[in-house]
């Protein structure tokens, strides 16, 4: 009661637009014993041992010094991995910060920015934060992005590939067709989950100066706790992002993130092995969910999007939580029957399937 009153009194100091903001709601991070946590798309396999060794070596007296504001070691490692020049790489404190700079610096125009009606829920948050006009384009009945529906007259286009939270991926040919006709504004492809089965658009950045690709080390490289994101695109786009960054925070990445992220890029063997394990588990999980009578969308991500033909998604999510299995449920229109289920370790996936089978058996 006291805290609530205190908050109401203190909010009088907010700027007017803060009262109108609808902040992003992050996935729950509960501290529950023996929890099967399949709600935030974290990688079930650990980071590269080379990344851990590099970060441990950096724990020294040098932490009293500011990090390299250009994060050159990390930028060069990313450039090597993607086969581009370092001038085409921008890094930031997680892909969410990179996206924030993109909205602020590249998508804030008189015309509305376009993105799918069912997509990453941070996009409308950034539009509210930076007062950017937006227009959402509906997914089709199969929950697929239809790029033919995106008019060329816009202030920019952004979409995830694979899409989130559906997991459905676009072929590269459809992205290139959009780029051929959308030449007067930036096209941003958010590839947080691309390494689990979709085609990356990074190679297209060499031919299309309006294309910017966003990547992250949180998912396929198991470094969600480190907060490293990046963008790949034409040097002029990267320069715009640097101008925003240096007007906001010149040192977004600390010393551990720089050396750990660089080592993770260089450890290709660990990356390839663990992402293959996740993809194999995803296919097994999809098959088992279908055997339980669930409808599952085709996924190219490290999660699946599934619903029961008759039981509400919220009811299923709560019943699973009672059995110490945590999944993500969204209340939004069209997708409220669905659960987004992270692909975990084989034994975690099995616990989910057993718990879900128990729930469905009790309801039948």
Protein backbone atom coordinates (compact mmCIF):
# COMPACT_ATOMS: atom_id res chain seq x y z
CA UNK A 1 0.00 0.00 0.00
CA UNK A 2 2.75 2.43 0.98
CA UNK A 3 4.86 1.50 -2.03
CA UNK A 4 1.90 1.97 -4.36
CA UNK A 5 1.11 5.41 -2.96
CA UNK A 6 4.77 6.35 -3.18
CA UNK A 7 4.84 5.35 -6.85
CA UNK A 8 1.72 7.34 -7.69
CA UNK A 9 3.08 10.46 -6.02
CA UNK A 10 6.51 10.19 -7.63
CA UNK A 11 5.16 9.61 -11.15
CA UNK A 12 4.28 13.31 -11.28
CA UNK A 13 7.95 13.87 -12.20
CA UNK A 14 7.71 11.75 -15.33
CA UNK A 15 7.72 13.33 -18.78
CA UNK A 16 4.26 13.28 -20.35
CA UNK A 17 5.13 10.57 -22.86
CA UNK A 18 6.37 8.17 -20.14
CA UNK A 19 2.77 7.85 -18.89
CA UNK A 20 1.77 6.67 -22.37
CA UNK A 21 4.54 4.10 -22.87
CA UNK A 22 3.66 0.40 -23.01
CA UNK A 23 6.93 -1.27 -21.98
CA UNK A 24 8.11 -4.65 -23.22
CA UNK A 25 7.33 -7.55 -20.88
CA UNK A 26 10.35 -9.88 -20.66
CA UNK A 27 10.04 -13.61 -20.18
CA UNK A 28 9.72 -14.75 -16.59
CA UNK A 29 12.94 -15.72 -14.77
CA UNK A 30 11.62 -17.46 -11.64
CA UNK A 31 13.72 -19.04 -8.91
CA UNK A 32 11.87 -22.34 -8.50
CA UNK A 33 13.60 -25.57 -7.53
CA UNK A 34 13.64 -28.37 -10.14
CA UNK A 35 11.90 -26.15 -12.69
CA UNK A 36 11.91 -27.21 -16.35
CA UNK A 37 12.39 -23.73 -17.81
CA UNK A 38 11.24 -23.62 -21.43
CA UNK A 39 9.88 -20.06 -21.66
CA UNK A 40 12.69 -17.73 -22.82
CA UNK A 41 14.41 -19.57 -25.70
CA UNK A 42 17.72 -19.94 -23.93
CA UNK A 43 20.12 -22.49 -25.38
CA UNK A 44 20.17 -25.69 -23.31
CA UNK A 45 23.85 -26.22 -24.08
CA UNK A 46 26.58 -24.11 -22.52
CA UNK A 47 28.75 -21.49 -24.21
CA UNK A 48 31.96 -22.25 -26.05
CA UNK A 49 34.70 -23.40 -23.63
CA UNK A 50 37.03 -21.08 -25.56
CA UNK A 51 34.74 -18.16 -24.73
CA UNK A 52 34.75 -19.06 -21.04
CA UNK A 53 38.54 -19.34 -21.01
CA UNK A 54 38.92 -15.97 -22.74
CA UNK A 55 36.64 -14.27 -20.22
CA UNK A 56 38.40 -15.85 -17.26
CA UNK A 57 41.74 -14.59 -18.60
CA UNK A 58 40.29 -11.08 -18.85
CA UNK A 59 39.46 -11.03 -15.13
CA UNK A 60 42.51 -9.02 -14.18
CA UNK A 61 43.72 -5.63 -13.08
CA UNK A 62 42.81 -4.39 -16.58
CA UNK A 63 39.17 -4.14 -15.51
CA UNK A 64 40.06 -0.75 -14.07
CA UNK A 65 40.48 0.44 -17.66
CA UNK A 66 37.59 1.32 -19.96
CA UNK A 67 36.99 -1.22 -22.74
CA UNK A 68 37.73 -0.50 -26.39
CA UNK A 69 34.84 1.76 -27.50
CA UNK A 70 35.03 0.25 -31.00
CA UNK A 71 35.06 -3.35 -29.66
CA UNK A 72 37.56 -4.02 -32.44
CA UNK A 73 38.45 -7.58 -31.39
CA UNK A 74 34.79 -8.60 -31.48
CA UNK A 75 34.00 -6.67 -34.67
CA UNK A 76 36.92 -8.32 -36.47
CA UNK A 77 35.92 -11.80 -35.27
CA UNK A 78 32.34 -11.25 -36.45
CA UNK A 79 33.58 -9.89 -39.78
CA UNK A 80 35.72 -13.01 -40.30
CA UNK A 81 32.83 -15.29 -39.51
CA UNK A 82 30.36 -13.56 -41.83
CA UNK A 83 32.90 -12.89 -44.58
CA UNK A 84 32.48 -9.10 -44.60
CA UNK A 85 34.68 -6.08 -43.95
CA UNK A 86 34.80 -4.81 -40.33
CA UNK A 87 33.29 -1.53 -41.55
CA UNK A 88 30.08 -3.50 -42.19
CA UNK A 89 29.70 -4.68 -38.58
CA UNK A 90 28.18 -2.88 -35.60
CA UNK A 91 28.05 -4.36 -32.09
CA UNK A 92 25.96 -3.45 -29.08
CA UNK A 93 24.73 -4.52 -25.66
CA UNK A 94 22.46 -7.30 -26.89
CA UNK A 95 20.43 -7.23 -30.08
CA UNK A 96 17.68 -5.32 -28.27
CA UNK A 97 19.99 -2.33 -27.84
CA UNK A 98 21.08 -2.65 -31.47
CA UNK A 99 17.42 -2.69 -32.51
CA UNK A 100 16.73 0.38 -30.38
CA UNK A 101 19.48 2.26 -32.24
CA UNK A 102 18.08 1.02 -35.55
CA UNK A 103 14.60 2.34 -34.77
CA UNK A 104 15.99 5.63 -33.51
CA UNK A 105 18.55 6.20 -36.24
CA UNK A 106 17.26 4.43 -39.37
CA UNK A 107 13.49 3.94 -39.04
CA UNK A 108 12.34 7.28 -37.60
CA UNK A 109 10.83 9.02 -40.65
CA UNK A 110 7.62 10.76 -41.68
CA UNK A 111 6.23 7.58 -43.23
CA UNK A 112 5.29 4.60 -41.04
CA UNK A 113 7.59 1.67 -40.41
CA UNK A 114 6.09 -1.67 -41.39
CA UNK A 115 6.27 -4.95 -39.47
CA UNK A 116 4.09 -8.08 -39.00
CA UNK A 117 1.04 -7.95 -36.77
CA UNK A 118 2.31 -11.07 -34.97
CA UNK A 119 6.00 -10.59 -34.35
CA UNK A 120 8.61 -9.54 -31.82
CA UNK A 121 6.69 -7.45 -29.30
CA UNK A 122 9.60 -5.03 -28.79
CA UNK A 123 8.96 -3.43 -32.19
CA UNK A 124 5.84 -1.49 -31.14
CA UNK A 125 7.58 -0.62 -27.86
CA UNK A 126 10.40 1.08 -29.75
CA UNK A 127 7.86 2.91 -31.90
CA UNK A 128 6.26 4.25 -28.74
CA UNK A 129 9.60 5.14 -27.18
CA UNK A 130 10.87 7.06 -30.22
CA UNK A 131 7.43 8.26 -31.37
CA UNK A 132 7.62 6.46 -34.70
CA UNK A 133 4.49 5.89 -36.76
CA UNK A 134 3.92 2.20 -37.45
CA UNK A 135 1.69 0.01 -39.58
CA UNK A 136 1.32 -3.71 -38.97
CA UNK A 137 0.83 -6.14 -41.85
CA UNK A 138 -1.20 -9.28 -41.02
CA UNK A 139 0.33 -12.72 -41.30
CA UNK A 140 -1.63 -15.05 -43.59
CA UNK A 141 -3.86 -17.84 -42.26
CA UNK A 142 -0.84 -20.13 -42.02
CA UNK A 143 0.96 -17.56 -39.82
CA UNK A 144 3.44 -16.79 -42.60
CA UNK A 145 4.89 -13.35 -43.40
CA UNK A 146 3.68 -12.27 -46.84
CA UNK A 147 6.24 -9.76 -48.10
CA UNK A 148 4.14 -9.10 -51.22
CA UNK A 149 1.69 -7.35 -48.86
CA UNK A 150 4.30 -4.74 -47.86
CA UNK A 151 3.88 -1.51 -49.85
CA UNK A 152 7.07 0.09 -51.13
CA UNK A 153 5.97 3.50 -49.84
CA UNK A 154 7.12 3.29 -46.21
CA UNK A 155 9.55 4.61 -43.62
CA UNK A 156 11.25 1.23 -43.32
CA UNK A 157 10.48 -2.47 -43.01
CA UNK A 158 11.48 -4.79 -40.17
CA UNK A 159 10.65 -8.44 -39.53
CA UNK A 160 12.28 -11.42 -37.84
CA UNK A 161 13.39 -14.41 -39.87
CA UNK A 162 12.43 -16.90 -38.52
CA UNK A 163 9.50 -14.97 -37.15
CA UNK A 164 8.93 -14.78 -33.41
CA UNK A 165 6.95 -16.14 -31.69
CA UNK A 166 5.78 -18.43 -34.52
CA UNK A 167 9.15 -19.84 -35.63
CA UNK A 168 8.09 -19.81 -39.29
CA UNK A 169 10.89 -18.86 -41.71
CA UNK A 170 10.96 -17.07 -45.05
CA UNK A 171 13.07 -18.26 -48.00
CA UNK A 172 15.86 -15.92 -49.03
CA UNK A 173 14.31 -15.49 -52.48
CA UNK A 174 11.29 -13.71 -51.00
CA UNK A 175 13.49 -11.34 -49.01
CA UNK A 176 15.48 -10.51 -52.14
CA UNK A 177 12.27 -9.86 -54.09
CA UNK A 178 11.30 -7.31 -51.40
CA UNK A 179 14.71 -5.66 -51.66
CA UNK A 180 14.38 -5.37 -55.43
CA UNK A 181 11.30 -3.18 -55.08
CA UNK A 182 11.86 -1.57 -51.66
CA UNK A 183 14.86 0.60 -52.51
CA UNK A 184 14.06 3.93 -50.83
CA UNK A 185 13.97 2.82 -47.19
CA UNK A 186 15.86 0.47 -44.90
CA UNK A 187 14.86 -3.20 -44.72
CA UNK A 188 15.85 -4.81 -41.41
CA UNK A 189 15.93 -8.60 -41.08
CA UNK A 190 16.10 -9.63 -37.44
CA UNK A 191 17.87 -13.01 -37.41
CA UNK A 192 17.94 -13.90 -33.72
CA UNK A 193 17.00 -17.52 -34.50
CA UNK A 194 18.37 -17.95 -38.02
CA UNK A 195 21.09 -20.44 -37.03
CA UNK A 196 18.51 -23.11 -36.19
CA UNK A 197 17.39 -23.78 -39.75
CA UNK A 198 16.67 -20.63 -41.77
CA UNK A 199 18.69 -18.90 -44.49
CA UNK A 200 20.67 -15.84 -43.41
CA UNK A 201 20.40 -12.67 -45.49
CA UNK A 202 23.93 -11.50 -44.59
CA UNK A 203 25.27 -12.29 -48.08
CA UNK A 204 22.62 -9.99 -49.59
CA UNK A 205 24.00 -6.98 -47.66
CA UNK A 206 26.85 -6.83 -50.19
CA UNK A 207 24.39 -6.23 -53.05
CA UNK A 208 21.64 -4.21 -51.35
CA UNK A 209 22.81 -1.10 -49.46
CA UNK A 210 19.37 -0.67 -47.84
CA UNK A 211 19.55 -4.06 -46.09
CA UNK A 212 20.55 -4.39 -42.44
CA UNK A 213 20.75 -7.80 -40.75
CA UNK A 214 20.54 -8.12 -36.95
CA UNK A 215 22.19 -11.04 -35.16
CA UNK A 216 22.75 -12.07 -31.55
CA UNK A 217 25.03 -14.31 -29.53
CA UNK A 218 22.22 -15.05 -27.06
CA UNK A 219 20.66 -17.99 -28.85
CA UNK A 220 22.85 -20.26 -30.99
CA UNK A 221 26.02 -19.27 -29.12
CA UNK A 222 24.52 -19.66 -25.63
CA UNK A 223 25.58 -16.22 -24.37
CA UNK A 224 22.24 -14.69 -23.36
CA UNK A 225 23.77 -13.67 -20.03
CA UNK A 226 26.62 -11.80 -21.73
CA UNK A 227 24.45 -9.43 -23.84
CA UNK A 228 26.11 -9.22 -27.26
CA UNK A 229 24.21 -8.22 -30.38
CA UNK A 230 25.31 -6.96 -33.77
CA UNK A 231 24.21 -5.59 -37.10
CA UNK A 232 25.68 -6.28 -40.55
CA UNK A 233 25.11 -3.92 -43.45
CA UNK A 234 26.48 -1.22 -45.72
CA UNK A 235 29.10 1.00 -44.06
CA UNK A 236 26.80 4.02 -44.34
CA UNK A 237 24.15 2.24 -42.23
CA UNK A 238 26.79 1.18 -39.73
CA UNK A 239 28.06 4.76 -39.51
CA UNK A 240 24.55 5.94 -38.66
CA UNK A 241 24.33 3.40 -35.84
CA UNK A 242 27.74 4.42 -34.51
CA UNK A 243 26.60 8.05 -34.40
CA UNK A 244 23.58 7.02 -32.31
CA UNK A 245 25.70 4.78 -30.07
CA UNK A 246 28.30 7.46 -29.41
CA UNK A 247 25.52 9.89 -28.52
CA UNK A 248 24.06 7.40 -26.05
CA UNK A 249 26.80 5.17 -24.58
CA UNK A 250 30.31 5.05 -26.03
CA UNK A 251 31.16 1.86 -24.10
CA UNK A 252 28.18 -0.50 -24.54
CA UNK A 253 30.24 -3.70 -24.30
CA UNK A 254 32.53 -4.50 -21.39
CA UNK A 255 35.88 -6.26 -21.61
CA UNK A 256 34.41 -9.69 -20.86
CA UNK A 257 31.76 -9.39 -23.57
CA UNK A 258 34.32 -8.31 -26.16
CA UNK A 259 36.77 -11.17 -25.60
CA UNK A 260 34.06 -13.77 -24.89
CA UNK A 261 32.06 -12.84 -27.96
CA UNK A 262 35.14 -12.90 -30.19
CA UNK A 263 36.14 -16.35 -28.92
CA UNK A 264 32.60 -17.63 -29.45
CA UNK A 265 32.68 -16.57 -33.10
CA UNK A 266 36.02 -18.31 -33.58
CA UNK A 267 34.84 -21.58 -32.02
CA UNK A 268 32.90 -22.80 -35.04
CA UNK A 269 33.04 -26.46 -34.03
CA UNK A 270 31.16 -25.86 -30.76
CA UNK A 271 28.63 -23.66 -32.54
CA UNK A 272 27.92 -26.24 -35.24
CA UNK A 273 27.70 -29.16 -32.82
CA UNK A 274 25.31 -27.55 -30.34
CA UNK A 275 22.97 -26.03 -32.91
CA UNK A 276 22.70 -29.42 -34.62
CA UNK A 277 21.73 -30.96 -31.28
CA UNK A 278 19.02 -28.32 -30.78
CA UNK A 279 17.60 -28.84 -34.26
CA UNK A 280 17.49 -32.63 -33.83
CA UNK A 281 15.72 -32.23 -30.47
CA UNK A 282 13.24 -29.79 -32.04
CA UNK A 283 12.23 -32.34 -34.64
CA UNK A 284 11.75 -35.04 -32.01
CA UNK A 285 9.76 -32.68 -29.79
CA UNK A 286 7.56 -31.64 -32.71
CA UNK A 287 6.80 -35.27 -33.50
CA UNK A 288 5.97 -36.10 -29.88
CA UNK A 289 3.68 -33.07 -29.51
CA UNK A 290 1.81 -34.05 -32.65
CA UNK A 291 1.36 -37.55 -31.26
CA UNK A 292 -0.38 -35.92 -28.28
CA UNK A 293 -2.81 -34.24 -30.67
CA UNK A 294 -1.18 -30.81 -30.67
CA UNK A 295 -1.04 -28.61 -33.76
CA UNK A 296 2.57 -27.45 -34.26
CA UNK A 297 3.71 -24.79 -36.72
CA UNK A 298 6.81 -25.61 -38.81
CA UNK A 299 9.74 -24.11 -36.88
CA UNK A 300 13.20 -23.03 -37.97
CA UNK A 301 13.99 -21.67 -34.50
CA UNK A 302 15.01 -23.12 -31.13
CA UNK A 303 11.37 -23.25 -30.04
CA UNK A 304 8.06 -24.57 -31.28
CA UNK A 305 4.68 -22.84 -31.42
CA UNK A 306 1.91 -25.29 -30.60
CA UNK A 307 -1.75 -25.39 -29.63
CA UNK A 308 -4.34 -27.94 -28.60
CA UNK A 309 -7.44 -28.10 -30.83
CA UNK A 310 -9.83 -27.48 -27.91
CA UNK A 311 -8.01 -26.53 -24.70
CA UNK A 312 -7.11 -22.84 -24.17
CA UNK A 313 -3.42 -21.95 -24.19
CA UNK A 314 -3.61 -20.13 -20.86
CA UNK A 315 -5.15 -23.19 -19.22
CA UNK A 316 -2.42 -25.46 -20.58
CA UNK A 317 0.35 -23.07 -19.53
CA UNK A 318 -1.00 -22.90 -15.98
CA UNK A 319 -1.44 -26.67 -15.75
CA UNK A 320 2.15 -27.18 -16.90
CA UNK A 321 3.40 -24.63 -14.40
CA UNK A 322 1.68 -26.58 -11.62
CA UNK A 323 3.83 -29.49 -12.76
CA UNK A 324 7.03 -27.36 -12.64
CA UNK A 325 7.23 -26.90 -16.41
CA UNK A 326 7.37 -23.27 -17.56
CA UNK A 327 6.43 -22.29 -21.13
CA UNK A 328 5.46 -18.94 -22.68
CA UNK A 329 1.86 -17.96 -23.34
CA UNK A 330 0.82 -14.80 -25.18
CA UNK A 331 -2.60 -13.21 -24.69
CA UNK A 332 -2.58 -11.45 -28.07
CA UNK A 333 -5.42 -11.94 -30.53
CA UNK A 334 -5.02 -14.85 -32.97
CA UNK A 335 -2.20 -16.50 -30.99
CA UNK A 336 -3.71 -16.86 -27.51
CA UNK A 337 -4.45 -20.58 -28.08
CA UNK A 338 -0.73 -21.23 -28.63
CA UNK A 339 2.20 -22.02 -26.37
CA UNK A 340 5.76 -21.10 -27.28
CA UNK A 341 7.94 -23.93 -26.04
CA UNK A 342 11.72 -23.62 -25.95
CA UNK A 343 13.65 -26.68 -27.09
CA UNK A 344 15.49 -27.87 -23.99
CA UNK A 345 17.78 -30.77 -23.22
CA UNK A 346 16.34 -34.16 -24.25
CA UNK A 347 15.42 -34.93 -20.66
CA UNK A 348 13.70 -31.54 -20.26
CA UNK A 349 11.72 -32.07 -23.44
CA UNK A 350 10.69 -35.48 -22.15
CA UNK A 351 9.46 -33.99 -18.87
CA UNK A 352 7.42 -31.47 -20.83
CA UNK A 353 5.85 -34.19 -22.98
CA UNK A 354 5.06 -36.31 -19.94
CA UNK A 355 3.52 -33.35 -18.08
CA UNK A 356 1.48 -32.32 -21.11
CA UNK A 357 0.32 -35.89 -21.63
CA UNK A 358 -0.78 -36.01 -17.99
CA UNK A 359 -2.72 -32.73 -18.39
CA UNK A 360 -4.48 -33.92 -21.53
CA UNK A 361 -5.30 -37.29 -20.00
CA UNK A 362 -6.92 -35.65 -16.97
CA UNK A 363 -8.98 -33.37 -19.19
CA UNK A 364 -10.24 -36.14 -21.47
